[in-house]
N, C-alpha and C. Protein backbone atom coordinates (compact mmCIF):
# COMPACT_ATOMS: atom_id res chain seq x y z
N UNK A 1 42.71 54.53 -10.11
CA UNK A 1 43.51 55.30 -11.03
C UNK A 1 44.27 56.32 -10.28
N UNK A 2 45.53 56.60 -10.66
CA UNK A 2 46.26 57.68 -9.95
C UNK A 2 46.98 58.45 -11.05
N UNK A 3 47.10 59.61 -10.94
CA UNK A 3 47.83 60.47 -11.84
C UNK A 3 48.97 61.09 -10.95
N UNK A 4 50.10 61.20 -11.60
CA UNK A 4 51.33 61.82 -11.10
C UNK A 4 51.94 62.78 -11.99
N UNK A 5 52.36 63.80 -11.44
CA UNK A 5 52.97 64.90 -12.28
C UNK A 5 54.46 64.95 -12.11
N UNK A 6 55.19 64.95 -13.06
CA UNK A 6 56.59 65.20 -13.04
C UNK A 6 56.89 66.51 -13.65
N UNK A 7 56.91 67.76 -12.88
CA UNK A 7 57.12 69.02 -13.45
C UNK A 7 58.41 69.08 -13.84
N UNK A 8 58.70 69.83 -14.83
CA UNK A 8 59.99 70.43 -15.41
C UNK A 8 59.59 71.63 -16.03
N UNK A 9 59.97 72.74 -15.50
CA UNK A 9 59.71 74.07 -15.87
C UNK A 9 60.86 74.94 -15.93
N UNK A 10 60.91 75.96 -16.76
CA UNK A 10 61.86 76.89 -16.75
C UNK A 10 61.54 78.08 -15.92
N UNK A 11 61.75 78.12 -14.65
CA UNK A 11 61.34 79.23 -13.88
C UNK A 11 61.96 80.54 -14.08
N UNK A 12 63.04 80.61 -14.94
CA UNK A 12 63.65 81.83 -15.02
C UNK A 12 62.81 82.76 -15.90
N UNK A 13 61.84 82.13 -16.69
CA UNK A 13 60.98 83.05 -17.51
C UNK A 13 59.83 83.49 -16.69
N UNK A 14 59.31 84.61 -16.64
CA UNK A 14 58.06 85.04 -16.03
C UNK A 14 56.96 84.97 -17.12
N UNK A 15 57.23 85.15 -18.29
CA UNK A 15 56.29 84.95 -19.43
C UNK A 15 55.68 83.60 -19.43
N UNK A 16 54.16 83.56 -19.62
CA UNK A 16 53.74 82.36 -19.74
C UNK A 16 53.93 81.54 -21.12
N UNK A 17 54.41 80.35 -20.77
CA UNK A 17 54.80 79.35 -21.91
C UNK A 17 55.59 80.16 -22.87
N UNK A 18 56.80 80.30 -22.58
CA UNK A 18 57.83 80.83 -23.52
C UNK A 18 58.18 79.68 -24.60
N UNK A 19 58.56 80.09 -25.67
CA UNK A 19 58.96 79.05 -26.70
C UNK A 19 60.09 78.17 -26.01
N UNK A 20 59.85 76.86 -26.14
CA UNK A 20 60.84 76.01 -25.53
C UNK A 20 60.52 75.52 -24.10
N UNK A 21 59.46 76.13 -23.57
CA UNK A 21 58.84 75.49 -22.19
C UNK A 21 58.32 74.12 -22.57
N UNK A 22 58.48 73.27 -21.52
CA UNK A 22 58.01 71.87 -21.57
C UNK A 22 57.37 71.40 -20.23
N UNK A 23 56.23 70.50 -20.57
CA UNK A 23 55.54 69.90 -19.52
C UNK A 23 55.69 68.39 -19.70
N UNK A 24 55.82 67.60 -18.68
CA UNK A 24 55.86 66.24 -18.50
C UNK A 24 54.87 65.91 -17.54
N UNK A 25 53.78 64.83 -17.83
CA UNK A 25 52.84 64.49 -17.03
C UNK A 25 52.86 62.90 -17.16
N UNK A 26 53.16 62.35 -15.97
CA UNK A 26 53.21 60.93 -15.83
C UNK A 26 51.86 60.37 -15.18
N UNK A 27 51.41 59.24 -15.77
CA UNK A 27 50.30 58.74 -15.10
C UNK A 27 50.25 57.19 -15.16
N UNK A 28 49.57 56.58 -14.05
CA UNK A 28 49.41 55.24 -14.10
C UNK A 28 47.85 55.17 -14.41
N UNK A 29 47.59 54.27 -15.18
CA UNK A 29 46.14 54.23 -15.82
C UNK A 29 45.63 52.67 -15.72
N UNK A 30 44.45 52.55 -15.74
CA UNK A 30 43.86 51.28 -15.84
C UNK A 30 43.51 50.94 -17.39
N UNK A 31 43.74 49.83 -17.79
CA UNK A 31 43.60 49.39 -19.22
C UNK A 31 42.09 49.52 -19.49
N UNK A 32 41.52 49.93 -20.58
CA UNK A 32 40.10 49.85 -20.84
C UNK A 32 39.61 48.54 -21.01
N UNK A 33 40.53 47.39 -21.30
CA UNK A 33 40.13 46.07 -21.69
C UNK A 33 40.38 45.26 -20.50
N UNK A 34 40.52 45.56 -19.40
CA UNK A 34 40.79 44.63 -18.31
C UNK A 34 41.17 45.39 -17.12
N UNK A 35 41.70 44.58 -16.07
CA UNK A 35 41.97 45.24 -14.79
C UNK A 35 43.61 45.56 -14.57
N UNK A 36 44.29 45.28 -15.76
CA UNK A 36 45.67 45.60 -15.66
C UNK A 36 45.85 47.20 -15.69
N UNK A 37 47.08 47.37 -15.34
CA UNK A 37 47.48 48.94 -15.33
C UNK A 37 48.72 49.08 -15.86
N UNK A 38 48.98 50.30 -16.34
CA UNK A 38 50.38 50.56 -17.10
C UNK A 38 50.73 51.92 -16.70
N UNK A 39 51.98 52.29 -16.96
CA UNK A 39 52.59 53.56 -16.67
C UNK A 39 52.94 54.23 -17.83
N UNK A 40 52.73 55.31 -18.09
CA UNK A 40 53.15 56.09 -19.40
C UNK A 40 53.17 57.58 -18.96
N UNK A 41 53.61 58.44 -19.99
CA UNK A 41 53.58 59.73 -19.74
C UNK A 41 53.39 60.41 -21.03
N UNK A 42 53.14 61.73 -20.99
CA UNK A 42 52.94 62.48 -22.21
C UNK A 42 53.76 63.75 -21.94
N UNK A 43 54.23 64.42 -23.06
CA UNK A 43 54.91 65.64 -22.82
C UNK A 43 54.37 66.64 -23.81
N UNK A 44 54.47 67.99 -23.46
CA UNK A 44 54.03 68.93 -24.41
C UNK A 44 55.19 69.99 -24.31
N UNK A 45 55.27 70.79 -25.51
CA UNK A 45 56.48 71.73 -25.60
C UNK A 45 55.90 72.80 -26.48
N UNK A 46 56.21 74.11 -26.08
CA UNK A 46 55.96 75.23 -26.89
C UNK A 46 57.07 75.25 -28.01
N UNK A 47 56.59 75.09 -29.30
CA UNK A 47 57.47 74.96 -30.43
C UNK A 47 57.52 76.37 -31.17
N UNK A 48 56.59 77.41 -30.90
CA UNK A 48 56.73 78.64 -31.50
C UNK A 48 55.38 79.35 -31.51
N UNK A 49 55.51 80.48 -32.29
CA UNK A 49 54.36 81.40 -32.21
C UNK A 49 53.60 81.16 -33.69
N UNK A 50 52.31 81.41 -33.59
CA UNK A 50 51.55 81.33 -34.72
C UNK A 50 50.29 82.41 -34.69
N UNK A 51 49.73 82.50 -35.69
CA UNK A 51 48.39 83.52 -35.66
C UNK A 51 47.33 82.68 -35.97
N UNK A 52 46.27 82.51 -35.03
CA UNK A 52 44.92 81.95 -35.05
C UNK A 52 43.92 82.85 -34.94
N UNK A 53 42.99 83.08 -35.82
CA UNK A 53 41.72 83.94 -35.80
C UNK A 53 42.29 85.48 -35.45
N UNK A 54 43.51 85.80 -35.96
CA UNK A 54 44.04 87.05 -35.83
C UNK A 54 44.77 87.39 -34.55
N UNK A 55 44.91 86.31 -33.86
CA UNK A 55 45.50 86.36 -32.30
C UNK A 55 46.77 85.53 -32.33
N UNK A 56 47.85 86.23 -31.85
CA UNK A 56 49.28 85.55 -31.66
C UNK A 56 49.09 84.53 -30.61
N UNK A 57 49.38 83.33 -30.86
CA UNK A 57 49.34 82.21 -29.99
C UNK A 57 50.57 81.36 -30.00
N UNK A 58 50.69 80.69 -28.81
CA UNK A 58 51.67 79.58 -28.73
C UNK A 58 51.29 78.32 -29.27
N UNK A 59 52.17 77.69 -30.04
CA UNK A 59 51.75 76.41 -30.72
C UNK A 59 52.54 75.44 -29.98
N UNK A 60 51.72 74.34 -29.28
CA UNK A 60 52.43 73.29 -28.69
C UNK A 60 52.41 71.98 -29.34
N UNK A 61 53.40 71.34 -29.14
CA UNK A 61 53.39 69.95 -29.78
C UNK A 61 53.12 68.96 -28.61
N UNK A 62 52.67 67.80 -28.99
CA UNK A 62 52.22 66.68 -28.10
C UNK A 62 52.88 65.35 -28.48
N UNK A 63 53.30 64.66 -27.37
CA UNK A 63 53.86 63.45 -27.58
C UNK A 63 53.46 62.52 -26.54
N UNK A 64 52.99 61.49 -26.97
CA UNK A 64 52.62 60.22 -26.03
C UNK A 64 53.69 59.25 -25.93
N UNK A 65 53.85 58.82 -24.64
CA UNK A 65 54.93 57.80 -24.54
C UNK A 65 54.41 56.56 -23.58
N UNK A 66 54.08 55.50 -24.24
CA UNK A 66 53.57 54.35 -23.54
C UNK A 66 52.03 54.49 -23.03
N UNK A 67 51.39 55.33 -23.52
CA UNK A 67 50.02 55.56 -23.33
C UNK A 67 49.33 56.23 -24.37
N UNK A 68 47.91 56.05 -24.39
CA UNK A 68 47.13 56.88 -25.33
C UNK A 68 46.07 57.57 -24.56
N UNK A 69 46.05 58.90 -24.77
CA UNK A 69 45.10 59.87 -24.10
C UNK A 69 43.78 59.91 -24.82
N UNK A 70 42.76 59.13 -24.14
CA UNK A 70 41.49 58.99 -24.86
C UNK A 70 40.84 60.27 -24.79
N UNK A 71 41.20 61.24 -23.86
CA UNK A 71 40.37 62.35 -23.69
C UNK A 71 40.99 63.61 -24.32
N UNK A 72 42.04 63.45 -24.87
CA UNK A 72 42.86 64.45 -25.42
C UNK A 72 42.37 64.75 -27.10
N UNK A 73 42.46 66.07 -27.39
CA UNK A 73 42.20 66.37 -28.88
C UNK A 73 43.58 66.28 -29.41
N UNK A 74 43.74 65.38 -30.43
CA UNK A 74 45.19 65.25 -30.95
C UNK A 74 45.32 66.10 -32.05
N UNK A 75 44.70 67.13 -32.24
CA UNK A 75 44.97 68.02 -33.27
C UNK A 75 45.99 69.20 -32.64
N UNK A 76 46.59 70.00 -33.39
CA UNK A 76 47.53 70.79 -32.84
C UNK A 76 46.76 71.90 -31.81
N UNK A 77 47.67 72.07 -30.68
CA UNK A 77 47.25 73.00 -29.54
C UNK A 77 47.83 74.48 -29.93
N UNK A 78 46.92 75.39 -29.83
CA UNK A 78 47.14 76.75 -29.84
C UNK A 78 46.69 77.35 -28.56
N UNK A 79 47.46 78.10 -27.84
CA UNK A 79 47.02 78.79 -26.53
C UNK A 79 47.59 80.30 -26.53
N UNK A 80 47.06 81.02 -25.64
CA UNK A 80 47.51 82.33 -25.37
C UNK A 80 47.06 82.60 -24.06
N UNK A 81 47.81 83.71 -23.50
CA UNK A 81 47.43 84.19 -22.23
C UNK A 81 47.10 85.72 -22.25
N UNK A 82 46.09 86.07 -21.49
CA UNK A 82 45.69 87.48 -21.42
C UNK A 82 45.18 87.96 -19.98
N UNK A 83 45.84 88.81 -19.35
CA UNK A 83 45.19 89.34 -18.15
C UNK A 83 45.06 88.24 -17.00
N UNK A 84 45.93 87.32 -16.84
CA UNK A 84 45.68 86.16 -15.91
C UNK A 84 44.80 85.09 -16.28
N UNK A 85 44.44 85.17 -17.59
CA UNK A 85 43.70 83.97 -18.08
C UNK A 85 44.43 83.25 -19.33
N UNK A 86 44.21 81.98 -19.42
CA UNK A 86 44.75 81.13 -20.56
C UNK A 86 43.65 80.59 -21.23
N UNK A 87 43.76 80.96 -22.66
CA UNK A 87 42.67 80.26 -23.59
C UNK A 87 43.47 79.32 -24.41
N UNK A 88 42.69 78.46 -24.98
CA UNK A 88 43.15 77.50 -26.08
C UNK A 88 42.02 77.46 -27.19
N UNK A 89 42.42 76.95 -28.25
CA UNK A 89 41.83 77.05 -29.50
C UNK A 89 40.90 75.70 -29.62
N UNK A 90 39.68 75.76 -29.52
CA UNK A 90 38.86 74.57 -29.62
C UNK A 90 38.55 74.48 -31.07
N UNK A 91 39.14 73.32 -31.78
CA UNK A 91 38.94 73.12 -33.15
C UNK A 91 37.38 72.79 -33.47
N UNK A 92 36.65 72.27 -32.71
CA UNK A 92 35.43 71.98 -33.07
C UNK A 92 34.45 73.20 -33.06
N UNK A 93 34.65 74.08 -32.23
CA UNK A 93 33.88 75.29 -32.16
C UNK A 93 34.42 76.28 -32.94
N UNK A 94 35.70 76.11 -33.30
CA UNK A 94 36.47 77.15 -34.12
C UNK A 94 36.52 78.41 -33.35
N UNK A 95 36.82 78.33 -32.15
CA UNK A 95 36.75 79.54 -31.26
C UNK A 95 37.76 79.26 -30.07
N UNK A 96 38.24 80.27 -29.52
CA UNK A 96 39.00 80.04 -28.21
C UNK A 96 38.07 79.87 -27.06
N UNK A 97 38.61 79.10 -26.07
CA UNK A 97 37.85 78.86 -24.90
C UNK A 97 38.77 78.98 -23.82
N UNK A 98 38.31 79.29 -22.51
CA UNK A 98 38.82 79.52 -21.35
C UNK A 98 39.40 78.24 -20.61
N UNK A 99 40.75 78.23 -20.47
CA UNK A 99 41.35 77.07 -19.84
C UNK A 99 41.64 77.38 -18.32
N UNK A 100 42.32 78.34 -17.99
CA UNK A 100 42.68 78.86 -16.70
C UNK A 100 42.18 80.24 -16.38
N UNK A 101 41.76 80.66 -15.16
CA UNK A 101 41.41 81.91 -14.87
C UNK A 101 42.03 82.41 -13.42
N UNK A 102 43.29 82.89 -13.36
CA UNK A 102 43.79 83.24 -12.08
C UNK A 102 43.10 84.40 -11.41
N UNK A 103 42.21 85.12 -12.10
CA UNK A 103 41.48 86.18 -11.53
C UNK A 103 40.28 85.88 -10.61
N UNK A 104 39.83 84.52 -10.62
CA UNK A 104 38.85 84.14 -9.91
C UNK A 104 39.34 83.98 -8.44
N UNK A 105 38.30 84.37 -7.57
CA UNK A 105 38.61 84.07 -6.08
C UNK A 105 37.82 83.16 -5.39
N UNK A 106 37.98 82.88 -4.22
CA UNK A 106 37.32 81.84 -3.40
C UNK A 106 35.80 81.93 -3.72
N UNK A 107 35.25 80.85 -3.99
CA UNK A 107 33.81 80.69 -4.27
C UNK A 107 33.38 80.95 -5.75
N UNK A 108 34.20 81.50 -6.65
CA UNK A 108 34.14 81.85 -8.05
C UNK A 108 34.43 80.62 -8.85
N UNK A 109 33.69 80.59 -9.98
CA UNK A 109 33.81 79.48 -10.92
C UNK A 109 34.14 79.86 -12.36
N UNK A 110 34.65 78.96 -13.27
CA UNK A 110 34.69 79.21 -14.64
C UNK A 110 34.55 77.83 -15.12
N UNK A 111 34.13 77.79 -16.64
CA UNK A 111 33.86 76.53 -17.29
C UNK A 111 35.12 76.23 -18.23
N UNK A 112 35.53 75.03 -18.24
CA UNK A 112 36.51 74.51 -19.26
C UNK A 112 35.79 73.55 -20.20
N UNK A 113 35.77 74.07 -21.54
CA UNK A 113 35.14 73.29 -22.56
C UNK A 113 36.20 72.54 -23.25
N UNK A 114 36.08 71.20 -23.46
CA UNK A 114 37.16 70.50 -24.22
C UNK A 114 36.61 69.40 -25.07
N UNK A 115 37.24 68.89 -26.10
CA UNK A 115 36.80 67.61 -26.79
C UNK A 115 37.28 66.50 -26.29
N UNK A 116 36.41 65.55 -26.15
CA UNK A 116 36.90 64.12 -25.71
C UNK A 116 36.85 63.16 -26.79
N UNK A 117 37.95 62.66 -27.33
CA UNK A 117 38.01 61.74 -28.38
C UNK A 117 37.19 60.55 -28.06
N UNK A 118 37.29 60.03 -26.92
CA UNK A 118 36.63 58.59 -26.62
C UNK A 118 35.19 58.90 -26.76
N UNK A 119 34.62 60.02 -26.40
CA UNK A 119 33.16 60.20 -26.42
C UNK A 119 32.70 60.76 -27.69
N UNK A 120 33.80 61.29 -28.44
CA UNK A 120 33.58 61.96 -29.59
C UNK A 120 32.56 63.19 -29.42
N UNK A 121 32.78 63.86 -28.41
CA UNK A 121 31.89 64.99 -28.02
C UNK A 121 32.46 66.04 -27.16
N UNK A 122 32.04 67.11 -27.03
CA UNK A 122 32.62 68.31 -26.19
C UNK A 122 32.09 68.01 -24.88
N UNK A 123 33.00 68.30 -23.77
CA UNK A 123 32.67 68.15 -22.43
C UNK A 123 32.91 69.57 -21.63
N UNK A 124 32.07 69.70 -20.70
CA UNK A 124 32.31 71.02 -19.93
C UNK A 124 32.68 70.56 -18.47
N UNK A 125 33.71 71.09 -17.86
CA UNK A 125 34.15 70.99 -16.58
C UNK A 125 33.97 72.29 -15.89
N UNK A 126 33.27 72.34 -14.73
CA UNK A 126 33.12 73.54 -13.92
C UNK A 126 34.22 73.62 -12.76
N UNK A 127 35.06 74.55 -12.81
CA UNK A 127 36.06 74.63 -11.89
C UNK A 127 35.78 75.68 -10.78
N UNK A 128 35.67 75.44 -9.58
CA UNK A 128 35.43 76.31 -8.52
C UNK A 128 36.58 76.43 -7.56
N UNK A 129 37.05 77.76 -7.32
CA UNK A 129 38.15 78.08 -6.49
C UNK A 129 37.69 77.90 -5.04
N UNK A 130 38.34 77.06 -4.31
CA UNK A 130 38.12 76.85 -2.87
C UNK A 130 39.15 77.34 -1.93
N UNK A 131 40.40 77.78 -2.57
CA UNK A 131 41.29 78.55 -1.80
C UNK A 131 42.34 79.21 -2.60
N UNK A 132 42.98 80.23 -2.29
CA UNK A 132 43.95 80.89 -2.94
C UNK A 132 45.26 81.00 -2.07
N UNK A 133 46.26 80.87 -2.67
CA UNK A 133 47.63 80.96 -1.98
C UNK A 133 48.66 81.33 -2.99
N UNK A 134 49.97 81.47 -2.73
CA UNK A 134 51.00 81.62 -3.54
C UNK A 134 52.27 80.90 -3.19
N UNK A 135 53.33 80.98 -4.13
CA UNK A 135 54.52 80.23 -3.84
C UNK A 135 55.52 81.12 -4.45
N UNK A 136 56.73 81.13 -4.02
CA UNK A 136 57.86 81.96 -4.44
C UNK A 136 58.75 80.84 -5.18
N UNK A 137 59.03 81.25 -6.49
CA UNK A 137 59.96 80.48 -7.34
C UNK A 137 60.98 81.45 -7.78
N UNK A 138 62.20 81.17 -7.64
CA UNK A 138 63.50 82.01 -8.08
C UNK A 138 63.09 83.44 -7.78
N UNK A 139 62.53 83.82 -6.68
CA UNK A 139 62.26 85.17 -6.36
C UNK A 139 61.12 85.73 -6.93
N UNK A 140 60.27 84.97 -7.63
CA UNK A 140 59.09 85.48 -8.27
C UNK A 140 57.83 84.83 -7.56
N UNK A 141 56.95 85.75 -7.08
CA UNK A 141 55.73 85.34 -6.39
C UNK A 141 54.66 84.87 -7.49
N UNK A 142 54.22 83.58 -7.41
CA UNK A 142 53.27 83.04 -8.37
C UNK A 142 51.97 82.64 -7.59
N UNK A 143 50.92 83.15 -8.03
CA UNK A 143 49.67 82.98 -7.58
C UNK A 143 49.28 81.54 -7.83
N UNK A 144 48.54 80.90 -6.86
CA UNK A 144 47.95 79.57 -7.07
C UNK A 144 46.48 79.40 -6.61
N UNK A 145 45.77 78.57 -7.07
CA UNK A 145 44.37 78.29 -6.87
C UNK A 145 44.20 76.93 -6.54
N UNK A 146 43.61 76.67 -5.50
CA UNK A 146 43.10 75.27 -5.13
C UNK A 146 41.61 75.18 -5.67
N UNK A 147 41.30 74.19 -6.61
CA UNK A 147 39.90 74.16 -7.21
C UNK A 147 39.47 72.91 -6.95
N UNK A 148 38.08 72.89 -7.01
CA UNK A 148 37.22 71.75 -6.85
C UNK A 148 36.30 71.58 -8.11
N UNK A 149 36.07 70.34 -8.40
CA UNK A 149 35.09 70.04 -9.47
C UNK A 149 34.68 68.54 -9.24
N UNK A 150 33.50 68.50 -9.73
CA UNK A 150 32.92 67.08 -9.67
C UNK A 150 32.69 66.52 -10.95
N UNK A 151 33.60 65.55 -11.32
CA UNK A 151 33.60 65.11 -12.63
C UNK A 151 34.37 63.79 -12.72
N UNK A 152 34.13 62.97 -13.73
CA UNK A 152 34.89 61.77 -13.87
C UNK A 152 36.23 62.09 -14.67
N UNK A 153 36.44 63.39 -15.08
CA UNK A 153 37.72 63.91 -15.50
C UNK A 153 38.65 64.45 -14.38
N UNK A 154 39.80 64.42 -14.81
CA UNK A 154 40.88 64.82 -13.73
C UNK A 154 41.66 65.99 -14.49
N UNK A 155 41.73 67.09 -13.68
CA UNK A 155 42.51 68.32 -14.14
C UNK A 155 43.57 68.73 -13.17
N UNK A 156 43.58 68.14 -11.92
CA UNK A 156 44.35 68.52 -10.83
C UNK A 156 43.74 69.58 -10.16
N UNK A 157 44.11 69.63 -8.75
CA UNK A 157 43.26 70.48 -7.98
C UNK A 157 44.13 71.69 -7.49
N UNK A 158 45.31 71.87 -8.09
CA UNK A 158 45.97 73.17 -7.86
C UNK A 158 46.63 73.70 -9.22
N UNK A 159 46.18 74.95 -9.46
CA UNK A 159 46.54 75.64 -10.61
C UNK A 159 47.60 76.70 -10.26
N UNK A 160 48.67 76.82 -10.98
CA UNK A 160 49.84 77.74 -10.56
C UNK A 160 49.84 78.78 -11.73
N UNK A 161 49.83 80.11 -11.40
CA UNK A 161 49.92 81.02 -12.37
C UNK A 161 51.34 80.85 -13.25
N UNK A 162 51.13 80.92 -14.51
CA UNK A 162 52.28 80.79 -15.42
C UNK A 162 52.72 79.42 -15.73
N UNK A 163 52.13 78.37 -14.90
CA UNK A 163 52.48 76.90 -15.06
C UNK A 163 51.28 76.05 -15.41
N UNK A 164 50.19 76.31 -14.90
CA UNK A 164 49.08 75.43 -15.23
C UNK A 164 48.69 74.55 -14.06
N UNK A 165 47.96 73.46 -14.46
CA UNK A 165 47.35 72.54 -13.51
C UNK A 165 48.50 71.51 -13.09
N UNK A 166 48.30 70.89 -12.04
CA UNK A 166 49.31 70.02 -11.31
C UNK A 166 49.11 68.58 -11.97
N UNK A 167 48.01 68.24 -12.60
CA UNK A 167 47.85 66.79 -13.05
C UNK A 167 47.88 66.84 -14.62
N UNK A 168 47.32 67.69 -15.29
CA UNK A 168 47.45 67.49 -16.73
C UNK A 168 47.25 68.98 -17.45
N UNK A 169 47.77 69.13 -18.50
CA UNK A 169 47.68 70.28 -19.15
C UNK A 169 46.10 70.78 -19.54
N UNK A 170 45.41 69.56 -20.01
CA UNK A 170 44.09 69.55 -20.30
C UNK A 170 43.35 68.47 -19.49
N UNK A 171 42.03 68.74 -19.22
CA UNK A 171 41.29 67.56 -18.51
C UNK A 171 41.52 66.11 -19.12
N UNK A 172 41.77 65.13 -18.28
CA UNK A 172 41.94 63.82 -18.63
C UNK A 172 40.87 62.90 -17.93
N UNK A 173 40.61 61.83 -18.64
CA UNK A 173 39.58 60.98 -18.09
C UNK A 173 40.26 60.15 -16.96
N UNK A 174 39.60 59.92 -15.72
CA UNK A 174 40.19 59.36 -14.61
C UNK A 174 40.23 57.90 -14.76
N UNK A 175 39.37 57.20 -15.56
CA UNK A 175 39.45 55.75 -15.58
C UNK A 175 39.94 55.15 -16.89
N UNK A 176 40.93 55.53 -17.38
CA UNK A 176 41.53 54.91 -18.54
C UNK A 176 40.85 54.88 -19.82
N UNK A 177 40.02 56.00 -20.12
CA UNK A 177 39.16 56.00 -21.17
C UNK A 177 37.82 55.69 -21.22
N UNK A 178 37.29 55.37 -20.02
CA UNK A 178 36.04 54.96 -19.94
C UNK A 178 34.99 56.02 -19.42
N UNK A 179 35.30 57.30 -19.65
CA UNK A 179 34.44 58.46 -19.38
C UNK A 179 33.32 58.50 -20.28
N UNK A 180 32.05 58.55 -19.79
CA UNK A 180 30.97 58.58 -20.68
C UNK A 180 29.94 59.65 -20.14
């Protein structure tokens, strides 16, 4: 199974996830009912602001094209950023949970808790920073983290400040829905 990212970002904005920001993630995946593979993509877009649990959040729309994401929570996504961290609303826990933490340094970890529709259960992914670096985009220096995790889920191994992970906005199952 291979995941490929086709990034399309509006780099003129320094603000995390401004209204209108879009992400496209392409993936080649193995069919859960055989040895065939297919190519599809999903895209996300920030469609506006909303209030969740008294906090102003970005609301993201989700659209699948040619594939079904078994590990994705297909309810509305609500996210916010605060001091180098990005949180999203976990509908099952009815609370916000950490997604990205740009404040972590080499050797430090954080946990990403997410709902897996295929397993019908919550899953925890421990992200450990193994290197830090930065890139310049349109004259703006963005921090990056190279992360390691040992899991059947894929989240990408590079996280860029203001943009997110290289492979998926949220963790995805690496074997076409067969994560257990």
